[in-house]
Amino acid sequence: YTPVTPDSPLVEAKPLPGAVPTPRREPPRVAQNKIEPA
């Protein structure tokens, strides 16, 4: 397991060699007092 981001307390499993990476959604962005889906 490795951190999701360098400063994140969350971790994720590193895929095995040769495995296809799982698509990951970006976190929602805040713009003009409303949340827009990424």
Full PDB file with SEQRES, HELIX, SHEET, SSBOND, CRYST1, ORIGX, SCALE, CONECT and MASTER records, all heavy atoms in Angstrom:
SEQRES   1 A   38  TYR THR PRO VAL THR PRO ASP SER PRO LEU VAL GLU ALA          
SEQRES   2 A   38  LYS PRO LEU PRO GLY ALA VAL PRO THR PRO ARG ARG GLU          
SEQRES   3 A   38  PRO PRO ARG VAL ALA GLN ASN LYS ILE GLU PRO ALA              
CRYST1    1.000    1.000    1.000  90.00  90.00  90.00 P 1           1          
ORIGX1      1.000000  0.000000  0.000000        0.00000                         
ORIGX2      0.000000  1.000000  0.000000        0.00000                         
ORIGX3      0.000000  0.000000  1.000000        0.00000                         
SCALE1      1.000000  0.000000  0.000000        0.00000                         
SCALE2      0.000000  1.000000  0.000000        0.00000                         
SCALE3      0.000000  0.000000  1.000000        0.00000                         
ATOM      1  N   TYR A   1       0.829  -1.207   0.000  1.00  0.00           N  
ATOM      2  CA  TYR A   1       0.000   0.000   0.000  1.00  0.00           C  
ATOM      3  C   TYR A   1       0.863   1.256   0.000  1.00  0.00           C  
ATOM      4  O   TYR A   1       1.907   1.326   0.642  1.00  0.00           O  
ATOM      5  CB  TYR A   1      -0.918  -0.017   1.233  1.00  0.00           C  
ATOM      6  CG  TYR A   1      -1.894  -1.161   1.173  1.00  0.00           C  
ATOM      7  CD1 TYR A   1      -1.566  -2.397   1.705  1.00  0.00           C  
ATOM      8  CD2 TYR A   1      -3.125  -1.018   0.551  1.00  0.00           C  
ATOM      9  CE1 TYR A   1      -2.441  -3.464   1.630  1.00  0.00           C  
ATOM     10  CE2 TYR A   1      -4.009  -2.077   0.463  1.00  0.00           C  
ATOM     11  CZ  TYR A   1      -3.666  -3.299   1.011  1.00  0.00           C  
ATOM     12  OH  TYR A   1      -4.540  -4.340   0.922  1.00  0.00           O  
ATOM     13  N   THR A   2       0.386   2.249  -0.762  1.00  0.00           N  
ATOM     14  CA  THR A   2       1.066   3.527  -0.862  1.00  0.00           C  
ATOM     15  C   THR A   2       0.042   4.641  -0.657  1.00  0.00           C  
ATOM     16  O   THR A   2      -1.159   4.456  -0.905  1.00  0.00           O  
ATOM     17  CB  THR A   2       1.721   3.690  -2.250  1.00  0.00           C  
ATOM     18  OG1 THR A   2       0.707   3.549  -3.251  1.00  0.00           O  
ATOM     19  CG2 THR A   2       2.793   2.634  -2.474  1.00  0.00           C  
ATOM     20  N   PRO A   3       0.492   5.834  -0.211  1.00  0.00           N  
ATOM     21  CA  PRO A   3      -0.452   6.948  -0.021  1.00  0.00           C  
ATOM     22  C   PRO A   3      -1.082   7.359  -1.343  1.00  0.00           C  
ATOM     23  O   PRO A   3      -0.456   7.291  -2.409  1.00  0.00           O  
ATOM     24  CB  PRO A   3       0.431   8.061   0.556  1.00  0.00           C  
ATOM     25  CG  PRO A   3       1.636   7.367   1.097  1.00  0.00           C  
ATOM     26  CD  PRO A   3       1.851   6.174   0.234  1.00  0.00           C  
ATOM     27  N   VAL A   4      -2.355   7.807  -1.277  1.00  0.00           N  
ATOM     28  CA  VAL A   4      -3.038   8.307  -2.466  1.00  0.00           C  
ATOM     29  C   VAL A   4      -2.307   9.519  -3.011  1.00  0.00           C  
ATOM     30  O   VAL A   4      -2.090   9.653  -4.218  1.00  0.00           O  
ATOM     31  CB  VAL A   4      -4.501   8.627  -2.129  1.00  0.00           C  
ATOM     32  CG1 VAL A   4      -5.190   9.284  -3.326  1.00  0.00           C  
ATOM     33  CG2 VAL A   4      -5.238   7.358  -1.716  1.00  0.00           C  
ATOM     34  N   THR A   5      -1.924  10.436  -2.134  1.00  0.00           N  
ATOM     35  CA  THR A   5      -1.093  11.589  -2.491  1.00  0.00           C  
ATOM     36  C   THR A   5       0.017  11.661  -1.457  1.00  0.00           C  
ATOM     37  O   THR A   5      -0.073  11.061  -0.386  1.00  0.00           O  
ATOM     38  CB  THR A   5      -1.908  12.895  -2.477  1.00  0.00           C  
ATOM     39  OG1 THR A   5      -2.409  13.113  -1.150  1.00  0.00           O  
ATOM     40  CG2 THR A   5      -3.087  12.812  -3.447  1.00  0.00           C  
ATOM     41  N   PRO A   6       1.094  12.374  -1.737  1.00  0.00           N  
ATOM     42  CA  PRO A   6       2.218  12.387  -0.795  1.00  0.00           C  
ATOM     43  C   PRO A   6       1.844  12.770   0.625  1.00  0.00           C  
ATOM     44  O   PRO A   6       2.432  12.259   1.571  1.00  0.00           O  
ATOM     45  CB  PRO A   6       3.182  13.407  -1.430  1.00  0.00           C  
ATOM     46  CG  PRO A   6       2.870  13.356  -2.888  1.00  0.00           C  
ATOM     47  CD  PRO A   6       1.398  13.113  -2.977  1.00  0.00           C  
ATOM     48  N   ASP A   7       0.858  13.683   0.820  1.00  0.00           N  
ATOM     49  CA  ASP A   7       0.508  14.139   2.166  1.00  0.00           C  
ATOM     50  C   ASP A   7      -0.791  13.519   2.668  1.00  0.00           C  
ATOM     51  O   ASP A   7      -1.303  13.931   3.715  1.00  0.00           O  
ATOM     52  CB  ASP A   7       0.392  15.670   2.188  1.00  0.00           C  
ATOM     53  CG  ASP A   7       1.698  16.350   1.811  1.00  0.00           C  
ATOM     54  OD1 ASP A   7       2.759  15.779   2.164  1.00  0.00           O  
ATOM     55  OD2 ASP A   7       1.655  17.419   1.184  1.00  0.00           O  
ATOM     56  N   SER A   8      -1.336  12.558   1.937  1.00  0.00           N  
ATOM     57  CA  SER A   8      -2.644  12.021   2.317  1.00  0.00           C  
ATOM     58  C   SER A   8      -2.502  10.906   3.339  1.00  0.00           C  
ATOM     59  O   SER A   8      -1.580  10.079   3.249  1.00  0.00           O  
ATOM     60  CB  SER A   8      -3.366  11.488   1.069  1.00  0.00           C  
ATOM     61  OG  SER A   8      -4.557  10.819   1.442  1.00  0.00           O  
ATOM     62  N   PRO A   9      -3.421  10.867   4.352  1.00  0.00           N  
ATOM     63  CA  PRO A   9      -3.410   9.747   5.296  1.00  0.00           C  
ATOM     64  C   PRO A   9      -4.054   8.501   4.692  1.00  0.00           C  
ATOM     65  O   PRO A   9      -4.011   7.435   5.296  1.00  0.00           O  
ATOM     66  CB  PRO A   9      -4.233  10.279   6.466  1.00  0.00           C  
ATOM     67  CG  PRO A   9      -5.188  11.240   5.845  1.00  0.00           C  
ATOM     68  CD  PRO A   9      -4.438  11.879   4.707  1.00  0.00           C  
ATOM     69  N   LEU A  10      -4.676   8.643   3.506  1.00  0.00           N  
ATOM     70  CA  LEU A  10      -5.333   7.508   2.876  1.00  0.00           C  
ATOM     71  C   LEU A  10      -4.327   6.732   2.030  1.00  0.00           C  
ATOM     72  O   LEU A  10      -3.389   7.310   1.474  1.00  0.00           O  
ATOM     73  CB  LEU A  10      -6.488   7.981   1.993  1.00  0.00           C  
ATOM     74  CG  LEU A  10      -7.589   8.784   2.708  1.00  0.00           C  
ATOM     75  CD1 LEU A  10      -8.633   9.216   1.707  1.00  0.00           C  
ATOM     76  CD2 LEU A  10      -8.217   7.968   3.830  1.00  0.00           C  
ATOM     77  N   VAL A  11      -4.525   5.415   1.956  1.00  0.00           N  
ATOM     78  CA  VAL A  11      -3.628   4.576   1.178  1.00  0.00           C  
ATOM     79  C   VAL A  11      -4.433   3.777   0.180  1.00  0.00           C  
ATOM     80  O   VAL A  11      -5.655   3.623   0.318  1.00  0.00           O  
ATOM     81  CB  VAL A  11      -2.831   3.610   2.086  1.00  0.00           C  
ATOM     82  CG1 VAL A  11      -1.903   4.371   3.006  1.00  0.00           C  
ATOM     83  CG2 VAL A  11      -3.760   2.704   2.884  1.00  0.00           C  
ATOM     84  N   GLU A  12      -3.749   3.304  -0.822  1.00  0.00           N  
ATOM     85  CA  GLU A  12      -4.378   2.442  -1.811  1.00  0.00           C  
ATOM     86  C   GLU A  12      -3.407   1.320  -2.158  1.00  0.00           C  
ATOM     87  O   GLU A  12      -2.192   1.463  -2.001  1.00  0.00           O  
ATOM     88  CB  GLU A  12      -4.726   3.231  -3.069  1.00  0.00           C  
ATOM     89  CG  GLU A  12      -3.498   3.791  -3.787  1.00  0.00           C  
ATOM     90  CD  GLU A  12      -3.859   4.549  -5.052  1.00  0.00           C  
ATOM     91  OE1 GLU A  12      -5.035   4.552  -5.404  1.00  0.00           O  
ATOM     92  OE2 GLU A  12      -2.943   5.133  -5.673  1.00  0.00           O  
ATOM     93  N   ALA A  13      -3.954   0.196  -2.613  1.00  0.00           N  
ATOM     94  CA  ALA A  13      -3.126  -0.953  -2.977  1.00  0.00           C  
ATOM     95  C   ALA A  13      -2.430  -0.692  -4.299  1.00  0.00           C  
ATOM     96  O   ALA A  13      -3.050  -0.245  -5.258  1.00  0.00           O  
ATOM     97  CB  ALA A  13      -3.986  -2.213  -3.077  1.00  0.00           C  
ATOM     98  N   LYS A  14      -1.151  -0.951  -4.345  1.00  0.00           N  
ATOM     99  CA  LYS A  14      -0.399  -0.813  -5.579  1.00  0.00           C  
ATOM    100  C   LYS A  14      -0.671  -2.034  -6.451  1.00  0.00           C  
ATOM    101  O   LYS A  14      -0.600  -3.166  -5.979  1.00  0.00           O  
ATOM    102  CB  LYS A  14       1.094  -0.716  -5.287  1.00  0.00           C  
ATOM    103  CG  LYS A  14       1.941  -0.493  -6.536  1.00  0.00           C  
ATOM    104  CD  LYS A  14       3.397  -0.347  -6.171  1.00  0.00           C  
ATOM    105  CE  LYS A  14       4.246  -0.139  -7.413  1.00  0.00           C  
ATOM    106  NZ  LYS A  14       5.674   0.016  -7.097  1.00  0.00           N  
ATOM    107  N   PRO A  15      -1.016  -1.833  -7.723  1.00  0.00           N  
ATOM    108  CA  PRO A  15      -1.335  -2.999  -8.567  1.00  0.00           C  
ATOM    109  C   PRO A  15      -0.120  -3.883  -8.776  1.00  0.00           C  
ATOM    110  O   PRO A  15       1.018  -3.420  -8.716  1.00  0.00           O  
ATOM    111  CB  PRO A  15      -1.800  -2.361  -9.881  1.00  0.00           C  
ATOM    112  CG  PRO A  15      -1.147  -1.013  -9.898  1.00  0.00           C  
ATOM    113  CD  PRO A  15      -1.104  -0.557  -8.459  1.00  0.00           C  
ATOM    114  N   LEU A  16      -0.392  -5.144  -8.998  1.00  0.00           N  
ATOM    115  CA  LEU A  16       0.677  -6.093  -9.269  1.00  0.00           C  
ATOM    116  C   LEU A  16       1.286  -5.803 -10.628  1.00  0.00           C  
ATOM    117  O   LEU A  16       0.647  -5.230 -11.502  1.00  0.00           O  
ATOM    118  CB  LEU A  16       0.128  -7.529  -9.241  1.00  0.00           C  
ATOM    119  CG  LEU A  16      -0.394  -8.000  -7.883  1.00  0.00           C  
ATOM    120  CD1 LEU A  16      -1.013  -9.377  -8.040  1.00  0.00           C  
ATOM    121  CD2 LEU A  16       0.705  -8.031  -6.853  1.00  0.00           C  
ATOM    122  N   PRO A  17       2.548  -6.241 -10.844  1.00  0.00           N  
ATOM    123  CA  PRO A  17       3.183  -6.016 -12.157  1.00  0.00           C  
ATOM    124  C   PRO A  17       2.362  -6.645 -13.260  1.00  0.00           C  
ATOM    125  O   PRO A  17       1.925  -7.786 -13.174  1.00  0.00           O  
ATOM    126  CB  PRO A  17       4.547  -6.723 -11.999  1.00  0.00           C  
ATOM    127  CG  PRO A  17       4.800  -6.750 -10.533  1.00  0.00           C  
ATOM    128  CD  PRO A  17       3.453  -6.870  -9.889  1.00  0.00           C  
ATOM    129  N   GLY A  18       2.133  -5.833 -14.342  1.00  0.00           N  
ATOM    130  CA  GLY A  18       1.368  -6.330 -15.478  1.00  0.00           C  
ATOM    131  C   GLY A  18      -0.117  -6.114 -15.376  1.00  0.00           C  
ATOM    132  O   GLY A  18      -0.854  -6.355 -16.326  1.00  0.00           O  
ATOM    133  N   ALA A  19      -0.605  -5.664 -14.204  1.00  0.00           N  
ATOM    134  CA  ALA A  19      -2.044  -5.462 -14.047  1.00  0.00           C  
ATOM    135  C   ALA A  19      -2.460  -4.136 -14.673  1.00  0.00           C  
ATOM    136  O   ALA A  19      -1.696  -3.172 -14.706  1.00  0.00           O  
ATOM    137  CB  ALA A  19      -2.422  -5.496 -12.571  1.00  0.00           C  
ATOM    138  N   VAL A  20      -3.693  -4.077 -15.194  1.00  0.00           N  
ATOM    139  CA  VAL A  20      -4.224  -2.848 -15.789  1.00  0.00           C  
ATOM    140  C   VAL A  20      -4.697  -1.933 -14.674  1.00  0.00           C  
ATOM    141  O   VAL A  20      -5.463  -2.361 -13.805  1.00  0.00           O  
ATOM    142  CB  VAL A  20      -5.391  -3.179 -16.742  1.00  0.00           C  
ATOM    143  CG1 VAL A  20      -5.973  -1.899 -17.315  1.00  0.00           C  
ATOM    144  CG2 VAL A  20      -4.908  -4.096 -17.859  1.00  0.00           C  
ATOM    145  N   PRO A  21      -4.224  -0.677 -14.616  1.00  0.00           N  
ATOM    146  CA  PRO A  21      -4.637   0.214 -13.528  1.00  0.00           C  
ATOM    147  C   PRO A  21      -6.129   0.502 -13.578  1.00  0.00           C  
ATOM    148  O   PRO A  21      -6.735   0.602 -14.641  1.00  0.00           O  
ATOM    149  CB  PRO A  21      -3.807   1.482 -13.772  1.00  0.00           C  
ATOM    150  CG  PRO A  21      -3.457   1.438 -15.232  1.00  0.00           C  
ATOM    151  CD  PRO A  21      -3.313  -0.005 -15.582  1.00  0.00           C  
ATOM    152  N   THR A  22      -6.731   0.615 -12.401  1.00  0.00           N  
ATOM    153  CA  THR A  22      -8.163   0.915 -12.294  1.00  0.00           C  
ATOM    154  C   THR A  22      -8.390   2.415 -12.447  1.00  0.00           C  
ATOM    155  O   THR A  22      -7.706   3.211 -11.801  1.00  0.00           O  
ATOM    156  CB  THR A  22      -8.690   0.465 -10.922  1.00  0.00           C  
ATOM    157  OG1 THR A  22      -8.410  -0.924 -10.801  1.00  0.00           O  
ATOM    158  CG2 THR A  22     -10.186   0.718 -10.804  1.00  0.00           C  
ATOM    159  N   PRO A  23      -9.329   2.826 -13.319  1.00  0.00           N  
ATOM    160  CA  PRO A  23      -9.588   4.275 -13.468  1.00  0.00           C  
ATOM    161  C   PRO A  23     -10.014   4.882 -12.139  1.00  0.00           C  
ATOM    162  O   PRO A  23     -10.746   4.273 -11.360  1.00  0.00           O  
ATOM    163  CB  PRO A  23     -10.722   4.331 -14.493  1.00  0.00           C  
ATOM    164  CG  PRO A  23     -10.663   3.021 -15.207  1.00  0.00           C  
ATOM    165  CD  PRO A  23     -10.173   2.035 -14.217  1.00  0.00           C  
ATOM    166  N   ARG A  24      -9.540   6.101 -11.868  1.00  0.00           N  
ATOM    167  CA  ARG A  24      -9.852   6.768 -10.617  1.00  0.00           C  
ATOM    168  C   ARG A  24     -10.424   8.150 -10.914  1.00  0.00           C  
ATOM    169  O   ARG A  24      -9.890   8.891 -11.738  1.00  0.00           O  
ATOM    170  CB  ARG A  24      -8.583   6.894  -9.775  1.00  0.00           C  
ATOM    171  CG  ARG A  24      -8.838   7.485  -8.391  1.00  0.00           C  
ATOM    172  CD  ARG A  24      -7.545   7.533  -7.589  1.00  0.00           C  
ATOM    173  NE  ARG A  24      -6.603   8.485  -8.169  1.00  0.00           N  
ATOM    174  CZ  ARG A  24      -5.288   8.384  -8.055  1.00  0.00           C  
ATOM    175  NH1 ARG A  24      -4.769   7.366  -7.431  1.00  0.00           N  
ATOM    176  NH2 ARG A  24      -4.498   9.294  -8.597  1.00  0.00           N  
ATOM    177  N   ARG A  25     -11.528   8.464 -10.270  1.00  0.00           N  
ATOM    178  CA  ARG A  25     -12.121   9.790 -10.443  1.00  0.00           C  
ATOM    179  C   ARG A  25     -11.317  10.832  -9.684  1.00  0.00           C  
ATOM    180  O   ARG A  25     -10.835  10.583  -8.593  1.00  0.00           O  
ATOM    181  CB  ARG A  25     -13.561   9.798  -9.923  1.00  0.00           C  
ATOM    182  CG  ARG A  25     -14.528   8.965 -10.763  1.00  0.00           C  
ATOM    183  CD  ARG A  25     -15.909   9.013 -10.151  1.00  0.00           C  
ATOM    184  NE  ARG A  25     -16.866   8.265 -10.933  1.00  0.00           N  
ATOM    185  CZ  ARG A  25     -17.543   8.755 -11.953  1.00  0.00           C  
ATOM    186  NH1 ARG A  25     -17.367  10.026 -12.304  1.00  0.00           N  
ATOM    187  NH2 ARG A  25     -18.408   8.027 -12.625  1.00  0.00           N  
ATOM    188  N   GLU A  26     -11.239  12.003 -10.287  1.00  0.00           N  
ATOM    189  CA  GLU A  26     -10.613  13.126  -9.592  1.00  0.00           C  
ATOM    190  C   GLU A  26     -11.584  13.658  -8.551  1.00  0.00           C  
ATOM    191  O   GLU A  26     -12.813  13.568  -8.710  1.00  0.00           O  
ATOM    192  CB  GLU A  26     -10.254  14.238 -10.580  1.00  0.00           C  
ATOM    193  CG  GLU A  26      -9.175  13.824 -11.576  1.00  0.00           C  
ATOM    194  CD  GLU A  26      -8.816  14.979 -12.476  1.00  0.00           C  
ATOM    195  OE1 GLU A  26      -9.393  16.072 -12.263  1.00  0.00           O  
ATOM    196  OE2 GLU A  26      -7.968  14.810 -13.366  1.00  0.00           O  
ATOM    197  N   PRO A  27     -11.104  14.277  -7.469  1.00  0.00           N  
ATOM    198  CA  PRO A  27     -12.005  14.846  -6.463  1.00  0.00           C  
ATOM    199  C   PRO A  27     -12.787  16.010  -7.062  1.00  0.00           C  
ATOM    200  O   PRO A  27     -12.334  16.671  -8.011  1.00  0.00           O  
ATOM    201  CB  PRO A  27     -11.049  15.312  -5.359  1.00  0.00           C  
ATOM    202  CG  PRO A  27      -9.733  15.485  -6.033  1.00  0.00           C  
ATOM    203  CD  PRO A  27      -9.683  14.459  -7.114  1.00  0.00           C  
ATOM    204  N   PRO A  28     -14.012  16.266  -6.560  1.00  0.00           N  
ATOM    205  CA  PRO A  28     -14.825  17.375  -7.105  1.00  0.00           C  
ATOM    206  C   PRO A  28     -14.144  18.720  -6.912  1.00  0.00           C  
ATOM    207  O   PRO A  28     -13.426  18.928  -5.938  1.00  0.00           O  
ATOM    208  CB  PRO A  28     -16.115  17.263  -6.309  1.00  0.00           C  
ATOM    209  CG  PRO A  28     -15.749  16.527  -5.073  1.00  0.00           C  
ATOM    210  CD  PRO A  28     -14.666  15.590  -5.444  1.00  0.00           C  
ATOM    211  N   ARG A  29     -14.356  19.636  -7.865  1.00  0.00           N  
ATOM    212  CA  ARG A  29     -13.752  20.967  -7.803  1.00  0.00           C  
ATOM    213  C   ARG A  29     -14.799  21.970  -7.326  1.00  0.00           C  
ATOM    214  O   ARG A  29     -15.970  21.906  -7.705  1.00  0.00           O  
ATOM    215  CB  ARG A  29     -13.246  21.375  -9.198  1.00  0.00           C  
ATOM    216  CG  ARG A  29     -12.105  20.485  -9.700  1.00  0.00           C  
ATOM    217  CD  ARG A  29     -11.679  20.897 -11.087  1.00  0.00           C  
ATOM    218  NE  ARG A  29     -12.806  20.839 -12.025  1.00  0.00           N  
ATOM    219  CZ  ARG A  29     -12.684  21.046 -13.327  1.00  0.00           C  
ATOM    220  NH1 ARG A  29     -11.499  21.339 -13.845  1.00  0.00           N  
ATOM    221  NH2 ARG A  29     -13.731  20.978 -14.128  1.00  0.00           N  
ATOM    222  N   VAL A  30     -14.332  22.879  -6.529  1.00  0.00           N  
ATOM    223  CA  VAL A  30     -15.215  23.948  -6.023  1.00  0.00           C  
ATOM    224  C   VAL A  30     -15.033  25.181  -6.904  1.00  0.00           C  
ATOM    225  O   VAL A  30     -13.922  25.684  -7.052  1.00  0.00           O  
ATOM    226  CB  VAL A  30     -14.905  24.288  -4.559  1.00  0.00           C  
ATOM    227  CG1 VAL A  30     -15.794  25.407  -4.069  1.00  0.00           C  
ATOM    228  CG2 VAL A  30     -15.059  23.051  -3.697  1.00  0.00           C  
ATOM    229  N   ALA A  31     -16.117  25.663  -7.532  1.00  0.00           N  
ATOM    230  CA  ALA A  31     -16.045  26.849  -8.407  1.00  0.00           C  
ATOM    231  C   ALA A  31     -17.291  27.696  -8.201  1.00  0.00           C  
ATOM    232  O   ALA A  31     -18.405  27.232  -8.420  1.00  0.00           O  
ATOM    233  CB  ALA A  31     -15.927  26.446  -9.860  1.00  0.00           C  
ATOM    234  N   GLN A  32     -17.099  29.000  -7.816  1.00  0.00           N  
ATOM    235  CA  GLN A  32     -18.161  29.982  -7.660  1.00  0.00           C  
ATOM    236  C   GLN A  32     -19.302  29.441  -6.788  1.00  0.00           C  
ATOM    237  O   GLN A  32     -20.460  29.390  -7.187  1.00  0.00           O  
ATOM    238  CB  GLN A  32     -18.704  30.405  -9.035  1.00  0.00           C  
ATOM    239  CG  GLN A  32     -17.665  31.087  -9.904  1.00  0.00           C  
ATOM    240  CD  GLN A  32     -18.231  31.460 -11.251  1.00  0.00           C  
ATOM    241  OE1 GLN A  32     -19.380  31.158 -11.579  1.00  0.00           O  
ATOM    242  NE2 GLN A  32     -17.426  32.165 -12.025  1.00  0.00           N  
ATOM    243  N   ASN A  33     -18.866  29.037  -5.551  1.00  0.00           N  
ATOM    244  CA  ASN A  33     -19.824  28.623  -4.526  1.00  0.00           C  
ATOM    245  C   ASN A  33     -20.681  27.428  -4.931  1.00  0.00           C  
ATOM    246  O   ASN A  33     -21.751  27.196  -4.375  1.00  0.00           O  
ATOM    247  CB  ASN A  33     -20.766  29.785  -4.137  1.00  0.00           C  
ATOM    248  CG  ASN A  33     -19.982  30.945  -3.555  1.00  0.00           C  
ATOM    249  OD1 ASN A  33     -18.970  30.713  -2.899  1.00  0.00           O  
ATOM    250  ND2 ASN A  33     -20.447  32.153  -3.802  1.00  0.00           N  
ATOM    251  N   LYS A  34     -20.265  26.693  -5.927  1.00  0.00           N  
ATOM    252  CA  LYS A  34     -21.008  25.473  -6.222  1.00  0.00           C  
ATOM    253  C   LYS A  34     -20.007  24.385  -6.625  1.00  0.00           C  
ATOM    254  O   LYS A  34     -18.909  24.666  -7.086  1.00  0.00           O  
ATOM    255  CB  LYS A  34     -22.005  25.697  -7.350  1.00  0.00           C  
ATOM    256  CG  LYS A  34     -21.390  26.023  -8.703  1.00  0.00           C  
ATOM    257  CD  LYS A  34     -22.468  26.167  -9.750  1.00  0.00           C  
ATOM    258  CE  LYS A  34     -21.865  26.470 -11.125  1.00  0.00           C  
ATOM    259  NZ  LYS A  34     -22.897  26.568 -12.157  1.00  0.00           N  
ATOM    260  N   ILE A  35     -20.436  23.207  -6.411  1.00  0.00           N  
ATOM    261  CA  ILE A  35     -19.572  22.069  -6.669  1.00  0.00           C  
ATOM    262  C   ILE A  35     -19.868  21.532  -8.048  1.00  0.00           C  
ATOM    263  O   ILE A  35     -21.013  21.234  -8.376  1.00  0.00           O  
ATOM    264  CB  ILE A  35     -19.788  20.972  -5.618  1.00  0.00           C  
ATOM    265  CG1 ILE A  35     -19.437  21.520  -4.238  1.00  0.00           C  
ATOM    266  CG2 ILE A  35     -18.973  19.740  -5.947  1.00  0.00           C  
ATOM    267  CD1 ILE A  35     -19.666  20.541  -3.141  1.00  0.00           C  
ATOM    268  N   GLU A  36     -18.833  21.463  -8.833  1.00  0.00           N  
ATOM    269  CA  GLU A  36     -18.970  20.903 -10.162  1.00  0.00           C  
ATOM    270  C   GLU A  36     -18.352  19.510 -10.188  1.00  0.00           C  
ATOM    271  O   GLU A  36     -17.276  19.309  -9.649  1.00  0.00           O  
ATOM    272  CB  GLU A  36     -18.248  21.793 -11.187  1.00  0.00           C  
ATOM    273  CG  GLU A  36     -18.816  23.186 -11.294  1.00  0.00           C  
ATOM    274  CD  GLU A  36     -18.061  24.021 -12.305  1.00  0.00           C  
ATOM    275  OE1 GLU A  36     -17.091  23.470 -12.895  1.00  0.00           O  
ATOM    276  OE2 GLU A  36     -18.405  25.182 -12.500  1.00  0.00           O  
ATOM    277  N   PRO A  37     -19.047  18.615 -10.776  1.00  0.00           N  
ATOM    278  CA  PRO A  37     -18.451  17.275 -10.869  1.00  0.00           C  
ATOM    279  C   PRO A  37     -17.225  17.295 -11.762  1.00  0.00           C  
ATOM    280  O   PRO A  37     -17.162  18.039 -12.733  1.00  0.00           O  
ATOM    281  CB  PRO A  37     -19.576  16.436 -11.467  1.00  0.00           C  
ATOM    282  CG  PRO A  37     -20.420  17.414 -12.229  1.00  0.00           C  
ATOM    283  CD  PRO A  37     -20.356  18.702 -11.449  1.00  0.00           C  
ATOM    284  N   ALA A  38     -16.280  16.526 -11.364  1.00  0.00           N  
ATOM    285  CA  ALA A  38     -15.044  16.454 -12.157  1.00  0.00           C  
ATOM    286  C   ALA A  38     -15.280  15.642 -13.415  1.00  0.00           C  
ATOM    287  O   ALA A  38     -16.096  14.733 -13.436  1.00  0.00           O  
ATOM    288  CB  ALA A  38     -13.935  15.789 -11.327  1.00  0.00           C  
TER     289      ALA A  38                                                      
MASTER        0    0    0    0    0    0    0    6  288    1    0    3          
END                                                                             
